[in-house]
Amino acid sequence: MSYSIFQSGRSRRNGTFHNLESGIEEQIESLRDELAELTRLVGKSSRHQGEKIRSQAGAGYEELLGRSEDLLRELQHGYERGATEMRETVRKHPLATIGAAAAFGLAIAFLARR
């Protein structure tokens, strides 16, 4: 008789374990589904952020390129003005220009000799 009591208790426990095991498997499957959805959402969000950052970087690059072109134009105009002023100075004061060039040449020769 005691054998039948243990047997019935064992079958009840096996049924409970089976139910518990099924519940755990369902929870694991549910967690897998939620994790897959979360992974999809994170991927979508990161793609969106990547596109946004790429767009901002492109806009920044275009702005930087525009500024550098403006700066280059300003430098070219400054160089042209300086060259024009130098030509005018040489035309107005040819002897002073020759004297300055000679003094500069002597200073270079003196330094090179040492």
PDB file of N, CA and C in Angstrom:
ATOM      1  N   MET A   1       0.800  -1.172   0.000  1.00  0.00           N
ATOM      2  CA  MET A   1       0.000   0.000   0.000  1.00  0.00           C
ATOM      3  C   MET A   1       0.857   1.256   0.000  1.00  0.00           C
ATOM      4  N   SER A   2       1.908   1.209   0.730  1.00  0.00           N
ATOM      5  CA  SER A   2       2.773   2.368   0.749  1.00  0.00           C
ATOM      6  C   SER A   2       3.381   2.612  -0.634  1.00  0.00           C
ATOM      7  N   TYR A   3       3.561   1.576  -1.375  1.00  0.00           N
ATOM      8  CA  TYR A   3       4.110   1.730  -2.718  1.00  0.00           C
ATOM      9  C   TYR A   3       3.163   2.526  -3.584  1.00  0.00           C
ATOM     10  N   SER A   4       1.880   2.290  -3.471  1.00  0.00           N
ATOM     11  CA  SER A   4       0.912   3.006  -4.282  1.00  0.00           C
ATOM     12  C   SER A   4       0.816   4.474  -3.865  1.00  0.00           C
ATOM     13  N   ILE A   5       1.015   4.743  -2.577  1.00  0.00           N
ATOM     14  CA  ILE A   5       0.993   6.142  -2.133  1.00  0.00           C
ATOM     15  C   ILE A   5       2.164   6.896  -2.750  1.00  0.00           C
ATOM     16  N   PHE A   6       3.348   6.291  -2.704  1.00  0.00           N
ATOM     17  CA  PHE A   6       4.503   6.934  -3.304  1.00  0.00           C
ATOM     18  C   PHE A   6       4.353   7.072  -4.809  1.00  0.00           C
ATOM     19  N   GLN A   7       3.771   6.078  -5.393  1.00  0.00           N
ATOM     20  CA  GLN A   7       3.565   6.108  -6.839  1.00  0.00           C
ATOM     21  C   GLN A   7       2.650   7.263  -7.231  1.00  0.00           C
ATOM     22  N   SER A   8       1.540   7.437  -6.509  1.00  0.00           N
ATOM     23  CA  SER A   8       0.604   8.505  -6.843  1.00  0.00           C
ATOM     24  C   SER A   8       1.243   9.867  -6.571  1.00  0.00           C
ATOM     25  N   GLY A   9       2.030   9.985  -5.507  1.00  0.00           N
ATOM     26  CA  GLY A   9       2.743  11.235  -5.214  1.00  0.00           C
ATOM     27  C   GLY A   9       3.765  11.543  -6.281  1.00  0.00           C
ATOM     28  N   ARG A  10       4.425  10.516  -6.743  1.00  0.00           N
ATOM     29  CA  ARG A  10       5.435  10.686  -7.780  1.00  0.00           C
ATOM     30  C   ARG A  10       4.783  11.141  -9.077  1.00  0.00           C
ATOM     31  N   SER A  11       3.655  10.565  -9.421  1.00  0.00           N
ATOM     32  CA  SER A  11       2.983  10.964 -10.655  1.00  0.00           C
ATOM     33  C   SER A  11       2.467  12.401 -10.540  1.00  0.00           C
ATOM     34  N   ARG A  12       2.029  12.788  -9.340  1.00  0.00           N
ATOM     35  CA  ARG A  12       1.589  14.182  -9.155  1.00  0.00           C
ATOM     36  C   ARG A  12       2.773  15.129  -9.304  1.00  0.00           C
ATOM     37  N   ARG A  13       3.908  14.738  -8.744  1.00  0.00           N
ATOM     38  CA  ARG A  13       5.101  15.580  -8.862  1.00  0.00           C
ATOM     39  C   ARG A  13       5.566  15.648 -10.311  1.00  0.00           C
ATOM     40  N   ASN A  14       5.530  14.542 -11.012  1.00  0.00           N
ATOM     41  CA  ASN A  14       5.930  14.547 -12.416  1.00  0.00           C
ATOM     42  C   ASN A  14       5.021  15.458 -13.224  1.00  0.00           C
ATOM     43  N   GLY A  15       3.741  15.443 -12.931  1.00  0.00           N
ATOM     44  CA  GLY A  15       2.809  16.336 -13.623  1.00  0.00           C
ATOM     45  C   GLY A  15       3.116  17.784 -13.291  1.00  0.00           C
ATOM     46  N   THR A  16       3.414  18.054 -12.021  1.00  0.00           N
ATOM     47  CA  THR A  16       3.748  19.418 -11.607  1.00  0.00           C
ATOM     48  C   THR A  16       5.043  19.866 -12.251  1.00  0.00           C
ATOM     49  N   PHE A  17       6.049  18.979 -12.257  1.00  0.00           N
ATOM     50  CA  PHE A  17       7.312  19.304 -12.905  1.00  0.00           C
ATOM     51  C   PHE A  17       7.111  19.536 -14.394  1.00  0.00           C
ATOM     52  N   HIS A  18       6.260  18.731 -14.990  1.00  0.00           N
ATOM     53  CA  HIS A  18       5.988  18.898 -16.414  1.00  0.00           C
ATOM     54  C   HIS A  18       5.334  20.267 -16.671  1.00  0.00           C
ATOM     55  N   ASN A  19       4.359  20.610 -15.817  1.00  0.00           N
ATOM     56  CA  ASN A  19       3.710  21.919 -15.961  1.00  0.00           C
ATOM     57  C   ASN A  19       4.711  23.051 -15.728  1.00  0.00           C
ATOM     58  N   LEU A  20       5.558  22.857 -14.720  1.00  0.00           N
ATOM     59  CA  LEU A  20       6.569  23.866 -14.423  1.00  0.00           C
ATOM     60  C   LEU A  20       7.547  23.994 -15.582  1.00  0.00           C
ATOM     61  N   GLU A  21       7.947  22.857 -16.121  1.00  0.00           N
ATOM     62  CA  GLU A  21       8.870  22.849 -17.257  1.00  0.00           C
ATOM     63  C   GLU A  21       8.235  23.523 -18.469  1.00  0.00           C
ATOM     64  N   SER A  22       6.967  23.244 -18.737  1.00  0.00           N
ATOM     65  CA  SER A  22       6.269  23.877 -19.855  1.00  0.00           C
ATOM     66  C   SER A  22       6.194  25.388 -19.654  1.00  0.00           C
ATOM     67  N   GLY A  23       5.897  25.788 -18.427  1.00  0.00           N
ATOM     68  CA  GLY A  23       5.815  27.220 -18.131  1.00  0.00           C
ATOM     69  C   GLY A  23       7.149  27.916 -18.344  1.00  0.00           C
ATOM     70  N   ILE A  24       8.214  27.262 -17.908  1.00  0.00           N
ATOM     71  CA  ILE A  24       9.557  27.837 -18.082  1.00  0.00           C
ATOM     72  C   ILE A  24       9.897  27.931 -19.568  1.00  0.00           C
ATOM     73  N   GLU A  25       9.582  26.870 -20.322  1.00  0.00           N
ATOM     74  CA  GLU A  25       9.853  26.888 -21.765  1.00  0.00           C
ATOM     75  C   GLU A  25       9.068  28.003 -22.452  1.00  0.00           C
ATOM     76  N   GLU A  26       7.831  28.208 -22.045  1.00  0.00           N
ATOM     77  CA  GLU A  26       7.027  29.290 -22.622  1.00  0.00           C
ATOM     78  C   GLU A  26       7.624  30.652 -22.277  1.00  0.00           C
ATOM     79  N   GLN A  27       8.105  30.791 -21.049  1.00  0.00           N
ATOM     80  CA  GLN A  27       8.724  32.044 -20.650  1.00  0.00           C
ATOM     81  C   GLN A  27      10.011  32.298 -21.432  1.00  0.00           C
ATOM     82  N   ILE A  28      10.795  31.235 -21.611  1.00  0.00           N
ATOM     83  CA  ILE A  28      12.035  31.364 -22.384  1.00  0.00           C
ATOM     84  C   ILE A  28      11.718  31.763 -23.815  1.00  0.00           C
ATOM     85  N   GLU A  29      10.718  31.141 -24.414  1.00  0.00           N
ATOM     86  CA  GLU A  29      10.318  31.475 -25.778  1.00  0.00           C
ATOM     87  C   GLU A  29       9.834  32.929 -25.856  1.00  0.00           C
ATOM     88  N   SER A  30       9.070  33.336 -24.847  1.00  0.00           N
ATOM     89  CA  SER A  30       8.587  34.719 -24.787  1.00  0.00           C
ATOM     90  C   SER A  30       9.757  35.698 -24.677  1.00  0.00           C
ATOM     91  N   LEU A  31      10.731  35.348 -23.842  1.00  0.00           N
ATOM     92  CA  LEU A  31      11.911  36.199 -23.697  1.00  0.00           C
ATOM     93  C   LEU A  31      12.714  36.272 -24.997  1.00  0.00           C
ATOM     94  N   ARG A  32      12.800  35.150 -25.696  1.00  0.00           N
ATOM     95  CA  ARG A  32      13.499  35.133 -26.992  1.00  0.00           C
ATOM     96  C   ARG A  32      12.808  36.062 -27.989  1.00  0.00           C
ATOM     97  N   ASP A  33      11.473  35.988 -28.012  1.00  0.00           N
ATOM     98  CA  ASP A  33      10.714  36.861 -28.915  1.00  0.00           C
ATOM     99  C   ASP A  33      10.923  38.330 -28.558  1.00  0.00           C
ATOM    100  N   GLU A  34      10.866  38.626 -27.263  1.00  0.00           N
ATOM    101  CA  GLU A  34      11.071  40.007 -26.824  1.00  0.00           C
ATOM    102  C   GLU A  34      12.481  40.479 -27.130  1.00  0.00           C
ATOM    103  N   LEU A  35      13.462  39.601 -26.957  1.00  0.00           N
ATOM    104  CA  LEU A  35      14.847  39.949 -27.257  1.00  0.00           C
ATOM    105  C   LEU A  35      15.033  40.192 -28.753  1.00  0.00           C
ATOM    106  N   ALA A  36      14.400  39.370 -29.575  1.00  0.00           N
ATOM    107  CA  ALA A  36      14.478  39.562 -31.027  1.00  0.00           C
ATOM    108  C   ALA A  36      13.855  40.901 -31.417  1.00  0.00           C
ATOM    109  N   GLU A  37      12.729  41.245 -30.810  1.00  0.00           N
ATOM    110  CA  GLU A  37      12.070  42.527 -31.092  1.00  0.00           C
ATOM    111  C   GLU A  37      12.942  43.691 -30.637  1.00  0.00           C
ATOM    112  N   LEU A  38      13.531  43.541 -29.452  1.00  0.00           N
ATOM    113  CA  LEU A  38      14.415  44.585 -28.941  1.00  0.00           C
ATOM    114  C   LEU A  38      15.627  44.759 -29.849  1.00  0.00           C
ATOM    115  N   THR A  39      16.189  43.665 -30.316  1.00  0.00           N
ATOM    116  CA  THR A  39      17.325  43.721 -31.236  1.00  0.00           C
ATOM    117  C   THR A  39      16.942  44.429 -32.528  1.00  0.00           C
ATOM    118  N   ARG A  40      15.746  44.124 -33.035  1.00  0.00           N
ATOM    119  CA  ARG A  40      15.269  44.777 -34.253  1.00  0.00           C
ATOM    120  C   ARG A  40      15.104  46.277 -34.037  1.00  0.00           C
ATOM    121  N   LEU A  41      14.523  46.657 -32.895  1.00  0.00           N
ATOM    122  CA  LEU A  41      14.319  48.075 -32.596  1.00  0.00           C
ATOM    123  C   LEU A  41      15.639  48.818 -32.430  1.00  0.00           C
ATOM    124  N   VAL A  42      16.594  48.185 -31.742  1.00  0.00           N
ATOM    125  CA  VAL A  42      17.904  48.812 -31.557  1.00  0.00           C
ATOM    126  C   VAL A  42      18.601  48.964 -32.911  1.00  0.00           C
ATOM    127  N   GLY A  43      18.505  47.954 -33.751  1.00  0.00           N
ATOM    128  CA  GLY A  43      19.103  48.044 -35.085  1.00  0.00           C
ATOM    129  C   GLY A  43      18.483  49.164 -35.902  1.00  0.00           C
ATOM    130  N   LYS A  44      17.167  49.265 -35.841  1.00  0.00           N
ATOM    131  CA  LYS A  44      16.468  50.322 -36.573  1.00  0.00           C
ATOM    132  C   LYS A  44      16.872  51.694 -36.038  1.00  0.00           C
ATOM    133  N   SER A  45      16.937  51.808 -34.714  1.00  0.00           N
ATOM    134  CA  SER A  45      17.315  53.074 -34.087  1.00  0.00           C
ATOM    135  C   SER A  45      18.754  53.444 -34.434  1.00  0.00           C
ATOM    136  N   SER A  46      19.648  52.479 -34.390  1.00  0.00           N
ATOM    137  CA  SER A  46      21.049  52.778 -34.697  1.00  0.00           C
ATOM    138  C   SER A  46      21.219  53.135 -36.172  1.00  0.00           C
ATOM    139  N   ARG A  47      20.445  52.504 -37.067  1.00  0.00           N
ATOM    140  CA  ARG A  47      20.498  52.900 -38.479  1.00  0.00           C
ATOM    141  C   ARG A  47      20.043  54.340 -38.647  1.00  0.00           C
ATOM    142  N   HIS A  48      18.953  54.674 -37.937  1.00  0.00           N
ATOM    143  CA  HIS A  48      18.425  56.039 -38.005  1.00  0.00           C
ATOM    144  C   HIS A  48      19.467  57.034 -37.470  1.00  0.00           C
ATOM    145  N   GLN A  49      20.084  56.704 -36.332  1.00  0.00           N
ATOM    146  CA  GLN A  49      21.104  57.583 -35.759  1.00  0.00           C
ATOM    147  C   GLN A  49      22.305  57.694 -36.699  1.00  0.00           C
ATOM    148  N   GLY A  50      22.696  56.593 -37.317  1.00  0.00           N
ATOM    149  CA  GLY A  50      23.808  56.613 -38.258  1.00  0.00           C
ATOM    150  C   GLY A  50      23.521  57.522 -39.440  1.00  0.00           C
ATOM    151  N   GLU A  51      22.304  57.427 -39.970  1.00  0.00           N
ATOM    152  CA  GLU A  51      21.929  58.290 -41.088  1.00  0.00           C
ATOM    153  C   GLU A  51      21.912  59.754 -40.661  1.00  0.00           C
ATOM    154  N   LYS A  52      21.421  60.006 -39.459  1.00  0.00           N
ATOM    155  CA  LYS A  52      21.368  61.378 -38.944  1.00  0.00           C
ATOM    156  C   LYS A  52      22.784  61.940 -38.782  1.00  0.00           C
ATOM    157  N   ILE A  53      23.671  61.158 -38.197  1.00  0.00           N
ATOM    158  CA  ILE A  53      25.059  61.598 -38.004  1.00  0.00           C
ATOM    159  C   ILE A  53      25.740  61.797 -39.354  1.00  0.00           C
ATOM    160  N   ARG A  54      25.500  60.882 -40.294  1.00  0.00           N
ATOM    161  CA  ARG A  54      26.083  61.008 -41.631  1.00  0.00           C
ATOM    162  C   ARG A  54      25.610  62.293 -42.302  1.00  0.00           C
ATOM    163  N   SER A  55      24.322  62.605 -42.137  1.00  0.00           N
ATOM    164  CA  SER A  55      23.758  63.826 -42.710  1.00  0.00           C
ATOM    165  C   SER A  55      24.397  65.062 -42.082  1.00  0.00           C
ATOM    166  N   GLN A  56      24.545  65.054 -40.760  1.00  0.00           N
ATOM    167  CA  GLN A  56      25.170  66.181 -40.077  1.00  0.00           C
ATOM    168  C   GLN A  56      26.629  66.337 -40.488  1.00  0.00           C
ATOM    169  N   ALA A  57      27.329  65.223 -40.628  1.00  0.00           N
ATOM    170  CA  ALA A  57      28.730  65.285 -41.045  1.00  0.00           C
ATOM    171  C   ALA A  57      28.847  65.821 -42.466  1.00  0.00           C
ATOM    172  N   GLY A  58      27.924  65.417 -43.339  1.00  0.00           N
ATOM    173  CA  GLY A  58      27.930  65.929 -44.710  1.00  0.00           C
ATOM    174  C   GLY A  58      27.684  67.424 -44.747  1.00  0.00           C
ATOM    175  N   ALA A  59      26.743  67.886 -43.935  1.00  0.00           N
ATOM    176  CA  ALA A  59      26.454  69.322 -43.878  1.00  0.00           C
ATOM    177  C   ALA A  59      27.659  70.084 -43.328  1.00  0.00           C
ATOM    178  N   GLY A  60      28.287  69.535 -42.298  1.00  0.00           N
ATOM    179  CA  GLY A  60      29.491  70.162 -41.733  1.00  0.00           C
ATOM    180  C   GLY A  60      30.625  70.207 -42.730  1.00  0.00           C
ATOM    181  N   TYR A  61      30.773  69.147 -43.513  1.00  0.00           N
ATOM    182  CA  TYR A  61      31.814  69.102 -44.530  1.00  0.00           C
ATOM    183  C   TYR A  61      31.572  70.161 -45.592  1.00  0.00           C
ATOM    184  N   GLU A  62      30.323  70.280 -46.019  1.00  0.00           N
ATOM    185  CA  GLU A  62      29.992  71.288 -47.027  1.00  0.00           C
ATOM    186  C   GLU A  62      30.267  72.697 -46.501  1.00  0.00           C
ATOM    187  N   GLU A  63      29.915  72.935 -45.243  1.00  0.00           N
ATOM    188  CA  GLU A  63      30.162  74.247 -44.638  1.00  0.00           C
ATOM    189  C   GLU A  63      31.661  74.525 -44.548  1.00  0.00           C
ATOM    190  N   LEU A  64      32.428  73.531 -44.120  1.00  0.00           N
ATOM    191  CA  LEU A  64      33.875  73.673 -44.018  1.00  0.00           C
ATOM    192  C   LEU A  64      34.492  73.921 -45.387  1.00  0.00           C
ATOM    193  N   LEU A  65      34.003  73.207 -46.384  1.00  0.00           N
ATOM    194  CA  LEU A  65      34.509  73.392 -47.737  1.00  0.00           C
ATOM    195  C   LEU A  65      34.214  74.808 -48.228  1.00  0.00           C
ATOM    196  N   GLY A  66      33.009  75.309 -47.963  1.00  0.00           N
ATOM    197  CA  GLY A  66      32.653  76.677 -48.350  1.00  0.00           C
ATOM    198  C   GLY A  66      33.528  77.707 -47.661  1.00  0.00           C
ATOM    199  N   ARG A  67      33.764  77.519 -46.355  1.00  0.00           N
ATOM    200  CA  ARG A  67      34.630  78.453 -45.623  1.00  0.00           C
ATOM    201  C   ARG A  67      36.054  78.431 -46.154  1.00  0.00           C
ATOM    202  N   SER A  68      36.564  77.233 -46.439  1.00  0.00           N
ATOM    203  CA  SER A  68      37.942  77.146 -46.933  1.00  0.00           C
ATOM    204  C   SER A  68      38.070  77.792 -48.308  1.00  0.00           C
ATOM    205  N   GLU A  69      37.044  77.674 -49.138  1.00  0.00           N
ATOM    206  CA  GLU A  69      37.086  78.340 -50.445  1.00  0.00           C
ATOM    207  C   GLU A  69      37.061  79.859 -50.281  1.00  0.00           C
ATOM    208  N   ASP A  70      36.254  80.355 -49.332  1.00  0.00           N
ATOM    209  CA  ASP A  70      36.223  81.797 -49.056  1.00  0.00           C
ATOM    210  C   ASP A  70      37.579  82.274 -48.547  1.00  0.00           C
ATOM    211  N   LEU A  71      38.176  81.518 -47.640  1.00  0.00           N
ATOM    212  CA  LEU A  71      39.489  81.877 -47.101  1.00  0.00           C
ATOM    213  C   LEU A  71      40.548  81.879 -48.197  1.00  0.00           C
ATOM    214  N   LEU A  72      40.496  80.898 -49.077  1.00  0.00           N
ATOM    215  CA  LEU A  72      41.452  80.833 -50.180  1.00  0.00           C
ATOM    216  C   LEU A  72      41.311  82.054 -51.085  1.00  0.00           C
ATOM    217  N   ARG A  73      40.050  82.447 -51.381  1.00  0.00           N
ATOM    218  CA  ARG A  73      39.838  83.652 -52.199  1.00  0.00           C
ATOM    219  C   ARG A  73      40.404  84.890 -51.513  1.00  0.00           C
ATOM    220  N   GLU A  74      40.171  85.019 -50.202  1.00  0.00           N
ATOM    221  CA  GLU A  74      40.702  86.165 -49.466  1.00  0.00           C
ATOM    222  C   GLU A  74      42.224  86.184 -49.503  1.00  0.00           C
ATOM    223  N   LEU A  75      42.860  85.033 -49.331  1.00  0.00           N
ATOM    224  CA  LEU A  75      44.323  84.958 -49.388  1.00  0.00           C
ATOM    225  C   LEU A  75      44.845  85.329 -50.775  1.00  0.00           C
ATOM    226  N   GLN A  76      44.160  84.867 -51.814  1.00  0.00           N
ATOM    227  CA  GLN A  76      44.583  85.203 -53.170  1.00  0.00           C
ATOM    228  C   GLN A  76      44.462  86.700 -53.429  1.00  0.00           C
ATOM    229  N   HIS A  77      43.358  87.319 -52.968  1.00  0.00           N
ATOM    230  CA  HIS A  77      43.195  88.767 -53.143  1.00  0.00           C
ATOM    231  C   HIS A  77      44.263  89.530 -52.369  1.00  0.00           C
ATOM    232  N   GLY A  78      44.578  89.071 -51.160  1.00  0.00           N
ATOM    233  CA  GLY A  78      45.629  89.706 -50.361  1.00  0.00           C
ATOM    234  C   GLY A  78      46.983  89.597 -51.045  1.00  0.00           C
ATOM    235  N   TYR A  79      47.272  88.433 -51.606  1.00  0.00           N
ATOM    236  CA  TYR A  79      48.542  88.244 -52.320  1.00  0.00           C
ATOM    237  C   TYR A  79      48.601  89.158 -53.535  1.00  0.00           C
ATOM    238  N   GLU A  80      47.498  89.233 -54.276  1.00  0.00           N
ATOM    239  CA  GLU A  80      47.472  90.097 -55.460  1.00  0.00           C
ATOM    240  C   GLU A  80      47.649  91.562 -55.076  1.00  0.00           C
ATOM    241  N   ARG A  81      46.998  92.013 -53.984  1.00  0.00           N
ATOM    242  CA  ARG A  81      47.163  93.398 -53.522  1.00  0.00           C
ATOM    243  C   ARG A  81      48.601  93.668 -53.109  1.00  0.00           C
ATOM    244  N   GLY A  82      49.195  92.720 -52.372  1.00  0.00           N
ATOM    245  CA  GLY A  82      50.588  92.873 -51.934  1.00  0.00           C
ATOM    246  C   GLY A  82      51.540  92.938 -53.115  1.00  0.00           C
ATOM    247  N   ALA A  83      51.315  92.069 -54.099  1.00  0.00           N
ATOM    248  CA  ALA A  83      52.178  92.072 -55.291  1.00  0.00           C
ATOM    249  C   ALA A  83      52.026  93.380 -56.055  1.00  0.00           C
ATOM    250  N   THR A  84      50.812  93.887 -56.180  1.00  0.00           N
ATOM    251  CA  THR A  84      50.562  95.147 -56.877  1.00  0.00           C
ATOM    252  C   THR A  84      51.239  96.308 -56.139  1.00  0.00           C
ATOM    253  N   GLU A  85      51.107  96.338 -54.817  1.00  0.00           N
ATOM    254  CA  GLU A  85      51.749  97.397 -54.028  1.00  0.00           C
ATOM    255  C   GLU A  85      53.262  97.339 -54.162  1.00  0.00           C
ATOM    256  N   MET A  86      53.833  96.130 -54.185  1.00  0.00           N
ATOM    257  CA  MET A  86      55.278  96.001 -54.319  1.00  0.00           C
ATOM    258  C   MET A  86      55.743  96.514 -55.687  1.00  0.00           C
ATOM    259  N   ARG A  87      55.017  96.168 -56.738  1.00  0.00           N
ATOM    260  CA  ARG A  87      55.375  96.653 -58.078  1.00  0.00           C
ATOM    261  C   ARG A  87      55.334  98.185 -58.142  1.00  0.00           C
ATOM    262  N   GLU A  88      54.284  98.756 -57.536  1.00  0.00           N
ATOM    263  CA  GLU A  88      54.157 100.210 -57.544  1.00  0.00           C
ATOM    264  C   GLU A  88      55.301 100.862 -56.762  1.00  0.00           C
ATOM    265  N   THR A  89      55.676 100.260 -55.626  1.00  0.00           N
ATOM    266  CA  THR A  89      56.781 100.799 -54.823  1.00  0.00           C
ATOM    267  C   THR A  89      58.089 100.728 -55.597  1.00  0.00           C
ATOM    268  N   VAL A  90      58.321  99.619 -56.286  1.00  0.00           N
ATOM    269  CA  VAL A  90      59.545  99.466 -57.080  1.00  0.00           C
ATOM    270  C   VAL A  90      59.560 100.489 -58.215  1.00  0.00           C
ATOM    271  N   ARG A  91      58.423 100.737 -58.849  1.00  0.00           N
ATOM    272  CA  ARG A  91      58.360 101.729 -59.933  1.00  0.00           C
ATOM    273  C   ARG A  91      58.600 103.145 -59.413  1.00  0.00           C
ATOM    274  N   LYS A  92      58.040 103.440 -58.229  1.00  0.00           N
ATOM    275  CA  LYS A  92      58.196 104.790 -57.679  1.00  0.00           C
ATOM    276  C   LYS A  92      59.591 105.040 -57.110  1.00  0.00           C
ATOM    277  N   HIS A  93      60.230 104.021 -56.546  1.00  0.00           N
ATOM    278  CA  HIS A  93      61.533 104.163 -55.877  1.00  0.00           C
ATOM    279  C   HIS A  93      62.515 103.102 -56.370  1.00  0.00           C
ATOM    280  N   PRO A  94      62.970 103.189 -57.617  1.00  0.00           N
ATOM    281  CA  PRO A  94      63.851 102.132 -58.134  1.00  0.00           C
ATOM    282  C   PRO A  94      65.217 102.097 -57.434  1.00  0.00           C
ATOM    283  N   LEU A  95      65.774 103.246 -57.108  1.00  0.00           N
ATOM    284  CA  LEU A  95      67.099 103.250 -56.472  1.00  0.00           C
ATOM    285  C   LEU A  95      67.033 102.695 -55.048  1.00  0.00           C
ATOM    286  N   ALA A  96      66.011 103.031 -54.319  1.00  0.00           N
ATOM    287  CA  ALA A  96      65.864 102.509 -52.959  1.00  0.00           C
ATOM    288  C   ALA A  96      65.675 100.996 -53.003  1.00  0.00           C
ATOM    289  N   THR A  97      64.983 100.516 -54.006  1.00  0.00           N
ATOM    290  CA  THR A  97      64.760  99.076 -54.144  1.00  0.00           C
ATOM    291  C   THR A  97      66.075  98.362 -54.431  1.00  0.00           C
ATOM    292  N   ILE A  98      66.886  98.934 -55.304  1.00  0.00           N
ATOM    293  CA  ILE A  98      68.185  98.322 -55.626  1.00  0.00           C
ATOM    294  C   ILE A  98      69.076  98.338 -54.390  1.00  0.00           C
ATOM    295  N   GLY A  99      69.053  99.432 -53.642  1.00  0.00           N
ATOM    296  CA  GLY A  99      69.860  99.534 -52.422  1.00  0.00           C
ATOM    297  C   GLY A  99      69.402  98.514 -51.382  1.00  0.00           C
ATOM    298  N   ALA A 100      68.101  98.350 -51.210  1.00  0.00           N
ATOM    299  CA  ALA A 100      67.595  97.374 -50.237  1.00  0.00           C
ATOM    300  C   ALA A 100      67.968  95.958 -50.645  1.00  0.00           C
ATOM    301  N   ALA A 101      67.898  95.671 -51.949  1.00  0.00           N
ATOM    302  CA  ALA A 101      68.260  94.331 -52.436  1.00  0.00           C
ATOM    303  C   ALA A 101      69.752  94.084 -52.226  1.00  0.00           C
ATOM    304  N   ALA A 102      70.573  95.111 -52.454  1.00  0.00           N
ATOM    305  CA  ALA A 102      72.021  94.954 -52.252  1.00  0.00           C
ATOM    306  C   ALA A 102      72.324  94.727 -50.775  1.00  0.00           C
ATOM    307  N   ALA A 103      71.674  95.489 -49.879  1.00  0.00           N
ATOM    308  CA  ALA A 103      71.905  95.317 -48.442  1.00  0.00           C
ATOM    309  C   ALA A 103      71.465  93.923 -47.993  1.00  0.00           C
ATOM    310  N   PHE A 104      70.391  93.469 -48.506  1.00  0.00           N
ATOM    311  CA  PHE A 104      69.902  92.129 -48.164  1.00  0.00           C
ATOM    312  C   PHE A 104      70.890  91.062 -48.646  1.00  0.00           C
ATOM    313  N   GLY A 105      71.405  91.243 -49.859  1.00  0.00           N
ATOM    314  CA  GLY A 105      72.391  90.303 -50.397  1.00  0.00           C
ATOM    315  C   GLY A 105      73.663  90.281 -49.576  1.00  0.00           C
ATOM    316  N   LEU A 106      74.128  91.457 -49.133  1.00  0.00           N
ATOM    317  CA  LEU A 106      75.338  91.527 -48.298  1.00  0.00           C
ATOM    318  C   LEU A 106      75.111  90.841 -46.950  1.00  0.00           C
ATOM    319  N   ALA A 107      73.929  91.045 -46.373  1.00  0.00           N
ATOM    320  CA  ALA A 107      73.636  90.419 -45.079  1.00  0.00           C
ATOM    321  C   ALA A 107      73.619  88.887 -45.219  1.00  0.00           C
ATOM    322  N   ILE A 108      73.060  88.381 -46.281  1.00  0.00           N
ATOM    323  CA  ILE A 108      73.038  86.922 -46.525  1.00  0.00           C
ATOM    324  C   ILE A 108      74.473  86.406 -46.719  1.00  0.00           C
ATOM    325  N   ALA A 109      75.264  87.138 -47.496  1.00  0.00           N
ATOM    326  CA  ALA A 109      76.650  86.727 -47.740  1.00  0.00           C
ATOM    327  C   ALA A 109      77.445  86.727 -46.440  1.00  0.00           C
ATOM    328  N   PHE A 110      77.240  87.744 -45.611  1.00  0.00           N
ATOM    329  CA  PHE A 110      77.948  87.823 -44.335  1.00  0.00           C
ATOM    330  C   PHE A 110      77.565  86.653 -43.430  1.00  0.00           C
ATOM    331  N   LEU A 111      76.288  86.333 -43.368  1.00  0.00           N
ATOM    332  CA  LEU A 111      75.839  85.206 -42.532  1.00  0.00           C
ATOM    333  C   LEU A 111      76.313  83.871 -43.077  1.00  0.00           C
ATOM    334  N   ALA A 112      76.368  83.738 -44.382  1.00  0.00           N
ATOM    335  CA  ALA A 112      76.792  82.476 -44.999  1.00  0.00           C
ATOM    336  C   ALA A 112      78.279  82.250 -44.798  1.00  0.00           C
ATOM    337  N   ARG A 113      79.051  83.337 -44.669  1.00  0.00           N
ATOM    338  CA  ARG A 113      80.491  83.232 -44.519  1.00  0.00           C
ATOM    339  C   ARG A 113      80.857  82.648 -43.157  1.00  0.00           C
ATOM    340  N   ARG A 114      80.058  82.874 -42.164  1.00  0.00           N
ATOM    341  CA  ARG A 114      80.359  82.387 -40.808  1.00  0.00           C
ATOM    342  C   ARG A 114      80.143  80.957 -40.749  1.00  0.00           C
TER     343      ARG A 114
END
